[in-house]
Amino acid sequence: MFELKNERFTAKVDPLGAQLVSFQDRGRELLWVGDPTYWREHAPVLFPIVGALREGRTKIKGQWFEMPQHGFAKRREFALDKQVESAVSLTLKADEETKRQYPFDFALNVDYILNEDGYTTQFTVENTGDEPLPFCIGGHPGFNLPMEDDAEFEDYTIQFEKEEAQQCPTVVIGAGLLDYENTGFELQGREIPLRHSLFYGDALVFRHLNSRRVRIVNKSTGRGVEMYFGSEFPMLGIWSAANDGPYVCLEPWTGCATLTTEGDEFVEKWGMLSIEPGTKYSYSFSVRVL
């Protein structure tokens, strides 16, 4: 584990998956604790896909490749690039194992930086090969709910920065595909009061929000967290397990699971990015403690 600290916060990062596994505000744990009764992860890195492929496979350069939900990065050991007291940088590079699932050369760098009011996660994807590099990437941090000793899950609400009008797709249970022809949840306004039943049909998936900031906040106390995600993330997932898990995830994505209306060609997936050989791009989001 790599440990980070500043005057207010402490954090821990696991090199397996470059996953943030602890984020504490003066000793109070805000990041989901990873209780396997509900969900054993904390804040996995999603690369080179977000969500599920149809039947767990996709066609790349005329051949079929199998890849698990959310990709392989969260299952791989990252190497330490550099570390200072309040920040760490980890790197994963293509090898024989990754090429059995994803036949491209790449370097994925994940940075965590503690700020005065929270932390920043930055992903940098570099094309180290000689052909265009297609990929999706996303974050998946979960936050403990309640965040206060005398509160309940239902005391919290999701608040968006701006007015929204969204029809979330249905998630095909068991397959993980997104069905935009059927509405799973509808948002009108800026707020979603939390209740466990919101997630009995899987994640709430939003596309092209007006907002760049979203909060999980206790309406009575104003305590909670706020995430800022830039325009490089056209999608946001909000998720908790269907088993009434005491946490909620805020997930900025560049792409998503395979749509029921699209085929299986990797480069044609909705939200697929592509960068040219010898170039790299960064994608970041920040969490602020309220």
C-alpha atoms as a PDB file:
ATOM      1  CA  MET A   1       0.000   0.000   0.000  1.00  0.00           C
ATOM      2  CA  PHE A   2       1.121   3.541  -0.742  1.00  0.00           C
ATOM      3  CA  GLU A   3       0.152   6.006   1.987  1.00  0.00           C
ATOM      4  CA  LEU A   4      -0.540   9.695   1.378  1.00  0.00           C
ATOM      5  CA  LYS A   5      -1.167  12.521   3.795  1.00  0.00           C
ATOM      6  CA  ASN A   6      -1.485  16.269   4.163  1.00  0.00           C
ATOM      7  CA  GLU A   7      -2.595  18.486   7.037  1.00  0.00           C
ATOM      8  CA  ARG A   8      -6.194  17.239   6.865  1.00  0.00           C
ATOM      9  CA  PHE A   9      -6.458  14.005   4.883  1.00  0.00           C
ATOM     10  CA  THR A  10      -4.848  10.584   4.684  1.00  0.00           C
ATOM     11  CA  ALA A  11      -5.239   8.056   1.877  1.00  0.00           C
ATOM     12  CA  LYS A  12      -4.048   4.610   0.827  1.00  0.00           C
ATOM     13  CA  VAL A  13      -3.564   3.297  -2.700  1.00  0.00           C
ATOM     14  CA  ASP A  14      -3.236  -0.383  -3.598  1.00  0.00           C
ATOM     15  CA  PRO A  15      -0.841  -1.107  -6.494  1.00  0.00           C
ATOM     16  CA  LEU A  16      -3.209  -3.930  -7.499  1.00  0.00           C
ATOM     17  CA  GLY A  17      -5.409  -2.032  -9.907  1.00  0.00           C
ATOM     18  CA  ALA A  18      -3.984   1.329  -8.766  1.00  0.00           C
ATOM     19  CA  GLN A  19      -7.083   1.487  -6.582  1.00  0.00           C
ATOM     20  CA  LEU A  20      -7.732   4.081  -3.898  1.00  0.00           C
ATOM     21  CA  VAL A  21      -8.738   1.985  -0.866  1.00  0.00           C
ATOM     22  CA  SER A  22      -8.935   4.597   1.885  1.00  0.00           C
ATOM     23  CA  PHE A  23      -9.642   8.319   2.096  1.00  0.00           C
ATOM     24  CA  GLN A  24      -9.972   9.744   5.584  1.00  0.00           C
ATOM     25  CA  ASP A  25     -10.885  13.223   6.765  1.00  0.00           C
ATOM     26  CA  ARG A  26      -9.174  13.676  10.151  1.00  0.00           C
ATOM     27  CA  GLY A  27      -9.619   9.982  10.857  1.00  0.00           C
ATOM     28  CA  ARG A  28     -13.155   9.570   9.489  1.00  0.00           C
ATOM     29  CA  GLU A  29     -13.284   7.101   6.601  1.00  0.00           C
ATOM     30  CA  LEU A  30     -15.259   8.501   3.661  1.00  0.00           C
ATOM     31  CA  LEU A  31     -14.354   5.947   0.990  1.00  0.00           C
ATOM     32  CA  TRP A  32     -16.348   2.723   0.882  1.00  0.00           C
ATOM     33  CA  VAL A  33     -14.631   0.137   3.110  1.00  0.00           C
ATOM     34  CA  GLY A  34     -14.913  -2.771   0.663  1.00  0.00           C
ATOM     35  CA  ASP A  35     -17.042  -5.082   2.814  1.00  0.00           C
ATOM     36  CA  PRO A  36     -17.419  -8.207   0.605  1.00  0.00           C
ATOM     37  CA  THR A  37     -20.914  -8.781   2.006  1.00  0.00           C
ATOM     38  CA  TYR A  38     -21.987  -5.971  -0.315  1.00  0.00           C
ATOM     39  CA  TRP A  39     -19.124  -5.113  -2.710  1.00  0.00           C
ATOM     40  CA  ARG A  40     -15.474  -5.971  -2.167  1.00  0.00           C
ATOM     41  CA  GLU A  41     -13.976  -3.099  -4.178  1.00  0.00           C
ATOM     42  CA  HIS A  42     -13.450   0.546  -3.241  1.00  0.00           C
ATOM     43  CA  ALA A  43     -12.672   2.724  -6.278  1.00  0.00           C
ATOM     44  CA  PRO A  44     -11.601   0.587  -9.258  1.00  0.00           C
ATOM     45  CA  VAL A  45     -10.011   2.025 -12.398  1.00  0.00           C
ATOM     46  CA  LEU A  46     -12.052   1.137 -15.502  1.00  0.00           C
ATOM     47  CA  PHE A  47      -9.892   0.526 -18.614  1.00  0.00           C
ATOM     48  CA  PRO A  48      -9.926  -0.138 -21.570  1.00  0.00           C
ATOM     49  CA  ILE A  49     -13.696  -0.560 -21.352  1.00  0.00           C
ATOM     50  CA  VAL A  50     -16.429   0.736 -19.082  1.00  0.00           C
ATOM     51  CA  GLY A  51     -19.238  -1.672 -18.264  1.00  0.00           C
ATOM     52  CA  ALA A  52     -19.901  -4.999 -19.953  1.00  0.00           C
ATOM     53  CA  LEU A  53     -19.426  -6.329 -23.461  1.00  0.00           C
ATOM     54  CA  ARG A  54     -22.107  -8.459 -25.084  1.00  0.00           C
ATOM     55  CA  GLU A  55     -21.365 -12.012 -23.900  1.00  0.00           C
ATOM     56  CA  GLY A  56     -18.046 -10.711 -22.564  1.00  0.00           C
ATOM     57  CA  ARG A  57     -16.391 -10.391 -25.946  1.00  0.00           C
ATOM     58  CA  THR A  58     -15.737  -7.916 -28.745  1.00  0.00           C
ATOM     59  CA  LYS A  59     -14.312  -7.912 -32.253  1.00  0.00           C
ATOM     60  CA  ILE A  60     -10.993  -6.108 -32.789  1.00  0.00           C
ATOM     61  CA  LYS A  61      -9.161  -6.101 -36.120  1.00  0.00           C
ATOM     62  CA  GLY A  62     -11.305  -8.964 -37.371  1.00  0.00           C
ATOM     63  CA  GLN A  63     -10.755 -11.241 -34.358  1.00  0.00           C
ATOM     64  CA  TRP A  64     -12.799 -11.935 -31.230  1.00  0.00           C
ATOM     65  CA  PHE A  65     -11.329 -11.010 -27.850  1.00  0.00           C
ATOM     66  CA  GLU A  66     -12.764 -11.708 -24.416  1.00  0.00           C
ATOM     67  CA  MET A  67     -12.646  -9.064 -21.704  1.00  0.00           C
ATOM     68  CA  PRO A  68     -14.362  -8.937 -18.298  1.00  0.00           C
ATOM     69  CA  GLN A  69     -16.679  -6.162 -17.164  1.00  0.00           C
ATOM     70  CA  HIS A  70     -14.868  -2.824 -16.719  1.00  0.00           C
ATOM     71  CA  GLY A  71     -11.708  -4.199 -18.358  1.00  0.00           C
ATOM     72  CA  PHE A  72      -8.501  -5.647 -17.000  1.00  0.00           C
ATOM     73  CA  ALA A  73      -6.723  -2.669 -15.392  1.00  0.00           C
ATOM     74  CA  LYS A  74      -8.363  -3.228 -12.009  1.00  0.00           C
ATOM     75  CA  ARG A  75      -6.964  -6.772 -11.973  1.00  0.00           C
ATOM     76  CA  ARG A  76      -3.363  -5.892 -12.815  1.00  0.00           C
ATOM     77  CA  GLU A  77      -0.424  -4.809 -10.670  1.00  0.00           C
ATOM     78  CA  PHE A  78       0.744  -1.253 -11.388  1.00  0.00           C
ATOM     79  CA  ALA A  79       4.346  -0.124 -10.993  1.00  0.00           C
ATOM     80  CA  LEU A  80       5.311   2.869  -8.891  1.00  0.00           C
ATOM     81  CA  ASP A  81       6.302   5.819 -11.048  1.00  0.00           C
ATOM     82  CA  LYS A  82       6.867   8.407  -8.305  1.00  0.00           C
ATOM     83  CA  GLN A  83       5.629   9.329  -4.851  1.00  0.00           C
ATOM     84  CA  VAL A  84       5.736  12.346  -2.564  1.00  0.00           C
ATOM     85  CA  GLU A  85       4.006  12.849   0.782  1.00  0.00           C
ATOM     86  CA  SER A  86       0.635  13.892  -0.647  1.00  0.00           C
ATOM     87  CA  ALA A  87       0.661  12.286  -4.109  1.00  0.00           C
ATOM     88  CA  VAL A  88       1.485   9.066  -5.937  1.00  0.00           C
ATOM     89  CA  SER A  89       1.764   8.072  -9.586  1.00  0.00           C
ATOM     90  CA  LEU A  90       1.392   4.472 -10.801  1.00  0.00           C
ATOM     91  CA  THR A  91       1.787   2.972 -14.281  1.00  0.00           C
ATOM     92  CA  LEU A  92       0.542  -0.079 -16.191  1.00  0.00           C
ATOM     93  CA  LYS A  93       2.071  -0.979 -19.554  1.00  0.00           C
ATOM     94  CA  ALA A  94       0.931  -3.407 -22.212  1.00  0.00           C
ATOM     95  CA  ASP A  95       2.345  -6.927 -22.006  1.00  0.00           C
ATOM     96  CA  GLU A  96       1.542 -10.400 -23.336  1.00  0.00           C
ATOM     97  CA  GLU A  97      -1.316 -10.837 -20.879  1.00  0.00           C
ATOM     98  CA  THR A  98      -3.054  -7.565 -21.757  1.00  0.00           C
ATOM     99  CA  LYS A  99      -2.626  -8.256 -25.479  1.00  0.00           C
ATOM    100  CA  ARG A 100      -4.550 -11.506 -25.166  1.00  0.00           C
ATOM    101  CA  GLN A 101      -7.562  -9.328 -24.312  1.00  0.00           C
ATOM    102  CA  TYR A 102      -6.668  -6.044 -25.998  1.00  0.00           C
ATOM    103  CA  PRO A 103      -4.098  -6.203 -28.849  1.00  0.00           C
ATOM    104  CA  PHE A 104      -2.609  -2.737 -28.471  1.00  0.00           C
ATOM    105  CA  ASP A 105       0.477  -1.081 -26.998  1.00  0.00           C
ATOM    106  CA  PHE A 106      -0.305   1.474 -24.312  1.00  0.00           C
ATOM    107  CA  ALA A 107       0.802   2.990 -21.027  1.00  0.00           C
ATOM    108  CA  LEU A 108      -1.823   3.902 -18.418  1.00  0.00           C
ATOM    109  CA  ASN A 109      -0.756   6.276 -15.673  1.00  0.00           C
ATOM    110  CA  VAL A 110      -2.938   6.842 -12.584  1.00  0.00           C
ATOM    111  CA  ASP A 111      -2.223   9.773 -10.253  1.00  0.00           C
ATOM    112  CA  TYR A 112      -3.767  10.527  -6.854  1.00  0.00           C
ATOM    113  CA  ILE A 113      -3.191  13.957  -5.314  1.00  0.00           C
ATOM    114  CA  LEU A 114      -4.441  15.107  -1.915  1.00  0.00           C
ATOM    115  CA  ASN A 115      -5.718  18.702  -1.967  1.00  0.00           C
ATOM    116  CA  GLU A 116      -6.653  21.088   0.832  1.00  0.00           C
ATOM    117  CA  ASP A 117     -10.335  20.134   0.485  1.00  0.00           C
ATOM    118  CA  GLY A 118     -10.214  16.595  -0.973  1.00  0.00           C
ATOM    119  CA  TYR A 119      -8.378  14.673  -3.665  1.00  0.00           C
ATOM    120  CA  THR A 120      -7.882  14.481  -7.431  1.00  0.00           C
ATOM    121  CA  THR A 121      -7.663  11.370  -9.600  1.00  0.00           C
ATOM    122  CA  GLN A 122      -5.988  11.701 -12.985  1.00  0.00           C
ATOM    123  CA  PHE A 123      -5.765   9.088 -15.729  1.00  0.00           C
ATOM    124  CA  THR A 124      -3.224   9.544 -18.527  1.00  0.00           C
ATOM    125  CA  VAL A 125      -3.426   7.197 -21.509  1.00  0.00           C
ATOM    126  CA  GLU A 126      -0.436   7.050 -23.871  1.00  0.00           C
ATOM    127  CA  ASN A 127      -0.347   5.325 -27.240  1.00  0.00           C
ATOM    128  CA  THR A 128       3.040   3.579 -27.330  1.00  0.00           C
ATOM    129  CA  GLY A 129       2.261   1.625 -30.497  1.00  0.00           C
ATOM    130  CA  ASP A 130       2.228   2.351 -34.206  1.00  0.00           C
ATOM    131  CA  GLU A 131      -1.553   2.370 -34.833  1.00  0.00           C
ATOM    132  CA  PRO A 132      -4.521   4.303 -33.400  1.00  0.00           C
ATOM    133  CA  LEU A 133      -5.383   3.301 -29.815  1.00  0.00           C
ATOM    134  CA  PRO A 134      -9.130   2.870 -29.106  1.00  0.00           C
ATOM    135  CA  PHE A 135     -10.280   2.819 -25.472  1.00  0.00           C
ATOM    136  CA  CYS A 136     -12.744   3.949 -22.843  1.00  0.00           C
ATOM    137  CA  ILE A 137     -11.827   4.932 -19.302  1.00  0.00           C
ATOM    138  CA  GLY A 138     -13.671   5.745 -16.114  1.00  0.00           C
ATOM    139  CA  GLY A 139     -13.601   6.132 -12.349  1.00  0.00           C
ATOM    140  CA  HIS A 140     -15.713   4.183  -9.846  1.00  0.00           C
ATOM    141  CA  PRO A 141     -15.192   5.559  -6.293  1.00  0.00           C
ATOM    142  CA  GLY A 142     -17.685   4.471  -3.657  1.00  0.00           C
ATOM    143  CA  PHE A 143     -18.521   6.564  -0.588  1.00  0.00           C
ATOM    144  CA  ASN A 144     -19.699   5.296   2.767  1.00  0.00           C
ATOM    145  CA  LEU A 145     -23.293   6.097   3.618  1.00  0.00           C
ATOM    146  CA  PRO A 146     -24.072   7.287   6.118  1.00  0.00           C
ATOM    147  CA  MET A 147     -21.002   9.500   6.544  1.00  0.00           C
ATOM    148  CA  GLU A 148     -22.107  10.595  10.016  1.00  0.00           C
ATOM    149  CA  ASP A 149     -22.728   8.435  13.074  1.00  0.00           C
ATOM    150  CA  ASP A 150     -26.297   9.585  13.728  1.00  0.00           C
ATOM    151  CA  ALA A 151     -27.516   9.530  10.092  1.00  0.00           C
ATOM    152  CA  GLU A 152     -29.212   6.978   7.835  1.00  0.00           C
ATOM    153  CA  PHE A 153     -28.776   6.141   4.132  1.00  0.00           C
ATOM    154  CA  GLU A 154     -32.091   7.818   3.321  1.00  0.00           C
ATOM    155  CA  ASP A 155     -30.969  11.105   4.925  1.00  0.00           C
ATOM    156  CA  TYR A 156     -28.757  11.714   1.890  1.00  0.00           C
ATOM    157  CA  THR A 157     -29.599  13.015  -1.537  1.00  0.00           C
ATOM    158  CA  ILE A 158     -27.864  13.380  -4.904  1.00  0.00           C
ATOM    159  CA  GLN A 159     -27.704  17.017  -5.977  1.00  0.00           C
ATOM    160  CA  PHE A 160     -26.699  18.207  -9.436  1.00  0.00           C
ATOM    161  CA  GLU A 161     -25.134  21.580 -10.144  1.00  0.00           C
ATOM    162  CA  LYS A 162     -27.729  22.494 -12.789  1.00  0.00           C
ATOM    163  CA  GLU A 163     -31.248  21.583 -13.830  1.00  0.00           C
ATOM    164  CA  GLU A 164     -31.367  18.259 -15.646  1.00  0.00           C
ATOM    165  CA  ALA A 165     -33.849  16.385 -17.826  1.00  0.00           C
ATOM    166  CA  GLN A 166     -32.621  12.842 -18.316  1.00  0.00           C
ATOM    167  CA  GLN A 167     -34.071   9.472 -19.189  1.00  0.00           C
ATOM    168  CA  CYS A 168     -31.703   6.775 -17.991  1.00  0.00           C
ATOM    169  CA  PRO A 169     -31.544   3.541 -19.976  1.00  0.00           C
ATOM    170  CA  THR A 170     -32.637   0.216 -18.562  1.00  0.00           C
ATOM    171  CA  VAL A 171     -29.749  -2.084 -17.682  1.00  0.00           C
ATOM    172  CA  VAL A 172     -30.328  -5.606 -18.980  1.00  0.00           C
ATOM    173  CA  ILE A 173     -29.960  -7.691 -15.831  1.00  0.00           C
ATOM    174  CA  GLY A 174     -27.488 -10.534 -16.235  1.00  0.00           C
ATOM    175  CA  ALA A 175     -26.053  -9.142 -19.463  1.00  0.00           C
ATOM    176  CA  GLY A 176     -25.107  -5.619 -18.348  1.00  0.00           C
ATOM    177  CA  LEU A 177     -26.077  -4.069 -21.686  1.00  0.00           C
ATOM    178  CA  LEU A 178     -27.728  -0.641 -21.855  1.00  0.00           C
ATOM    179  CA  ASP A 179     -31.197  -0.434 -23.375  1.00  0.00           C
ATOM    180  CA  TYR A 180     -31.896   3.157 -24.393  1.00  0.00           C
ATOM    181  CA  GLU A 181     -35.201   2.156 -25.947  1.00  0.00           C
ATOM    182  CA  ASN A 182     -36.639   1.607 -22.460  1.00  0.00           C
ATOM    183  CA  THR A 183     -36.385   4.123 -19.632  1.00  0.00           C
ATOM    184  CA  GLY A 184     -35.139   2.806 -16.312  1.00  0.00           C
ATOM    185  CA  PHE A 185     -35.178   6.089 -14.373  1.00  0.00           C
ATOM    186  CA  GLU A 186     -36.197   9.634 -15.206  1.00  0.00           C
ATOM    187  CA  LEU A 187     -34.653  12.754 -13.706  1.00  0.00           C
ATOM    188  CA  GLN A 188     -36.359  16.124 -13.896  1.00  0.00           C
ATOM    189  CA  GLY A 189     -34.646  18.816 -11.858  1.00  0.00           C
ATOM    190  CA  ARG A 190     -31.526  18.809  -9.727  1.00  0.00           C
ATOM    191  CA  GLU A 191     -32.097  16.258  -6.997  1.00  0.00           C
ATOM    192  CA  ILE A 192     -32.494  12.510  -6.398  1.00  0.00           C
ATOM    193  CA  PRO A 193     -33.399  11.551  -2.804  1.00  0.00           C
ATOM    194  CA  LEU A 194     -31.495   8.370  -2.004  1.00  0.00           C
ATOM    195  CA  ARG A 195     -33.193   5.083  -1.314  1.00  0.00           C
ATOM    196  CA  HIS A 196     -31.833   1.571  -1.837  1.00  0.00           C
ATOM    197  CA  SER A 197     -34.567   0.635  -4.319  1.00  0.00           C
ATOM    198  CA  LEU A 198     -33.113   3.130  -6.834  1.00  0.00           C
ATOM    199  CA  PHE A 199     -30.416   0.558  -7.573  1.00  0.00           C
ATOM    200  CA  TYR A 200     -32.471  -2.625  -7.727  1.00  0.00           C
ATOM    201  CA  GLY A 201     -32.273  -2.340 -11.516  1.00  0.00           C
ATOM    202  CA  ASP A 202     -28.498  -1.611 -11.451  1.00  0.00           C
ATOM    203  CA  ALA A 203     -26.839   1.761 -12.151  1.00  0.00           C
ATOM    204  CA  LEU A 204     -28.414   5.082 -13.056  1.00  0.00           C
ATOM    205  CA  VAL A 205     -26.634   6.083 -16.267  1.00  0.00           C
ATOM    206  CA  PHE A 206     -26.593   9.723 -17.402  1.00  0.00           C
ATOM    207  CA  ARG A 207     -25.290  11.062 -20.706  1.00  0.00           C
ATOM    208  CA  HIS A 208     -24.381  14.651 -21.616  1.00  0.00           C
ATOM    209  CA  LEU A 209     -25.427  16.222 -18.319  1.00  0.00           C
ATOM    210  CA  ASN A 210     -25.600  19.986 -18.030  1.00  0.00           C
ATOM    211  CA  SER A 211     -23.818  19.667 -14.676  1.00  0.00           C
ATOM    212  CA  ARG A 212     -20.105  19.206 -14.121  1.00  0.00           C
ATOM    213  CA  ARG A 213     -20.566  18.875 -10.369  1.00  0.00           C
ATOM    214  CA  VAL A 214     -22.617  16.364  -8.418  1.00  0.00           C
ATOM    215  CA  ARG A 215     -22.987  15.921  -4.658  1.00  0.00           C
ATOM    216  CA  ILE A 216     -23.914  13.257  -2.152  1.00  0.00           C
ATOM    217  CA  VAL A 217     -25.111  15.370   0.756  1.00  0.00           C
ATOM    218  CA  ASN A 218     -27.071  15.099   3.991  1.00  0.00           C
ATOM    219  CA  LYS A 219     -29.845  17.659   3.552  1.00  0.00           C
ATOM    220  CA  SER A 220     -30.090  18.257   7.287  1.00  0.00           C
ATOM    221  CA  THR A 221     -26.401  18.849   8.003  1.00  0.00           C
ATOM    222  CA  GLY A 222     -24.922  19.779   4.609  1.00  0.00           C
ATOM    223  CA  ARG A 223     -22.179  17.189   5.113  1.00  0.00           C
ATOM    224  CA  GLY A 224     -21.065  15.005   2.250  1.00  0.00           C
ATOM    225  CA  VAL A 225     -18.856  14.974  -0.836  1.00  0.00           C
ATOM    226  CA  GLU A 226     -18.915  16.779  -4.172  1.00  0.00           C
ATOM    227  CA  MET A 227     -17.368  15.464  -7.384  1.00  0.00           C
ATOM    228  CA  TYR A 228     -16.189  17.691 -10.209  1.00  0.00           C
ATOM    229  CA  PHE A 229     -15.708  15.937 -13.562  1.00  0.00           C
ATOM    230  CA  GLY A 230     -14.625  17.726 -16.696  1.00  0.00           C
ATOM    231  CA  SER A 231     -16.210  17.709 -20.141  1.00  0.00           C
ATOM    232  CA  GLU A 232     -13.875  14.885 -21.165  1.00  0.00           C
ATOM    233  CA  PHE A 233     -16.316  12.617 -19.306  1.00  0.00           C
ATOM    234  CA  PRO A 234     -19.614  12.712 -21.251  1.00  0.00           C
ATOM    235  CA  MET A 235     -21.223  10.132 -18.960  1.00  0.00           C
ATOM    236  CA  LEU A 236     -21.876   9.666 -15.251  1.00  0.00           C
ATOM    237  CA  GLY A 237     -22.956   6.495 -13.513  1.00  0.00           C
ATOM    238  CA  ILE A 238     -24.466   6.448 -10.027  1.00  0.00           C
ATOM    239  CA  TRP A 239     -24.541   2.987  -8.470  1.00  0.00           C
ATOM    240  CA  SER A 240     -24.913   0.893  -5.376  1.00  0.00           C
ATOM    241  CA  ALA A 241     -25.437  -2.853  -5.178  1.00  0.00           C
ATOM    242  CA  ALA A 242     -28.957  -4.274  -5.295  1.00  0.00           C
ATOM    243  CA  ASN A 243     -28.307  -5.807  -1.850  1.00  0.00           C
ATOM    244  CA  ASP A 244     -28.897  -2.544   0.076  1.00  0.00           C
ATOM    245  CA  GLY A 245     -25.197  -1.786   0.383  1.00  0.00           C
ATOM    246  CA  PRO A 246     -24.366   1.182   2.664  1.00  0.00           C
ATOM    247  CA  TYR A 247     -22.535   3.200   0.013  1.00  0.00           C
ATOM    248  CA  VAL A 248     -23.015   5.018  -3.283  1.00  0.00           C
ATOM    249  CA  CYS A 249     -20.590   5.307  -6.206  1.00  0.00           C
ATOM    250  CA  LEU A 250     -20.138   8.376  -8.408  1.00  0.00           C
ATOM    251  CA  GLU A 251     -18.613   7.230 -11.700  1.00  0.00           C
ATOM    252  CA  PRO A 252     -17.372   9.583 -14.439  1.00  0.00           C
ATOM    253  CA  TRP A 253     -17.020   7.694 -17.724  1.00  0.00           C
ATOM    254  CA  THR A 254     -15.854   8.399 -21.267  1.00  0.00           C
ATOM    255  CA  GLY A 255     -17.920   5.485 -22.608  1.00  0.00           C
ATOM    256  CA  CYS A 256     -20.232   2.762 -21.403  1.00  0.00           C
ATOM    257  CA  ALA A 257     -21.398  -0.827 -21.677  1.00  0.00           C
ATOM    258  CA  THR A 258     -22.433  -2.171 -25.058  1.00  0.00           C
ATOM    259  CA  LEU A 259     -25.808  -0.825 -26.160  1.00  0.00           C
ATOM    260  CA  THR A 260     -28.547  -3.274 -27.128  1.00  0.00           C
ATOM    261  CA  THR A 261     -28.824  -1.437 -30.450  1.00  0.00           C
ATOM    262  CA  GLU A 262     -25.142  -1.598 -31.443  1.00  0.00           C
ATOM    263  CA  GLY A 263     -22.900  -4.353 -32.730  1.00  0.00           C
ATOM    264  CA  ASP A 264     -19.750  -5.845 -31.256  1.00  0.00           C
ATOM    265  CA  GLU A 265     -17.029  -3.985 -33.170  1.00  0.00           C
ATOM    266  CA  PHE A 266     -14.796  -2.466 -30.509  1.00  0.00           C
ATOM    267  CA  VAL A 267     -13.984   0.753 -32.361  1.00  0.00           C
ATOM    268  CA  GLU A 268     -17.696   1.378 -33.023  1.00  0.00           C
ATOM    269  CA  LYS A 269     -18.810   1.259 -29.387  1.00  0.00           C
ATOM    270  CA  TRP A 270     -20.591   4.390 -28.165  1.00  0.00           C
ATOM    271  CA  GLY A 271     -18.124   6.821 -26.567  1.00  0.00           C
ATOM    272  CA  MET A 272     -15.035   5.061 -27.895  1.00  0.00           C
ATOM    273  CA  LEU A 273     -11.971   7.310 -27.913  1.00  0.00           C
ATOM    274  CA  SER A 274      -8.945   6.993 -30.177  1.00  0.00           C
ATOM    275  CA  ILE A 275      -5.509   8.552 -29.925  1.00  0.00           C
ATOM    276  CA  GLU A 276      -2.722   8.507 -32.480  1.00  0.00           C
ATOM    277  CA  PRO A 277       0.686   6.843 -32.019  1.00  0.00           C
ATOM    278  CA  GLY A 278       3.085   8.784 -29.842  1.00  0.00           C
ATOM    279  CA  THR A 279       0.380  10.896 -28.199  1.00  0.00           C
ATOM    280  CA  LYS A 280      -1.236  10.875 -24.773  1.00  0.00           C
ATOM    281  CA  TYR A 281      -4.265  12.452 -23.122  1.00  0.00           C
ATOM    282  CA  SER A 282      -5.322  13.002 -19.513  1.00  0.00           C
ATOM    283  CA  TYR A 283      -8.722  12.700 -17.860  1.00  0.00           C
ATOM    284  CA  SER A 284      -9.297  13.847 -14.283  1.00  0.00           C
ATOM    285  CA  PHE A 285     -11.950  14.268 -11.627  1.00  0.00           C
ATOM    286  CA  SER A 286     -11.813  15.746  -8.136  1.00  0.00           C
ATOM    287  CA  VAL A 287     -13.657  15.004  -4.892  1.00  0.00           C
ATOM    288  CA  ARG A 288     -14.258  17.777  -2.384  1.00  0.00           C
ATOM    289  CA  VAL A 289     -15.376  17.142   1.205  1.00  0.00           C
ATOM    290  CA  LEU A 290     -18.329  19.314   2.237  1.00  0.00           C
END
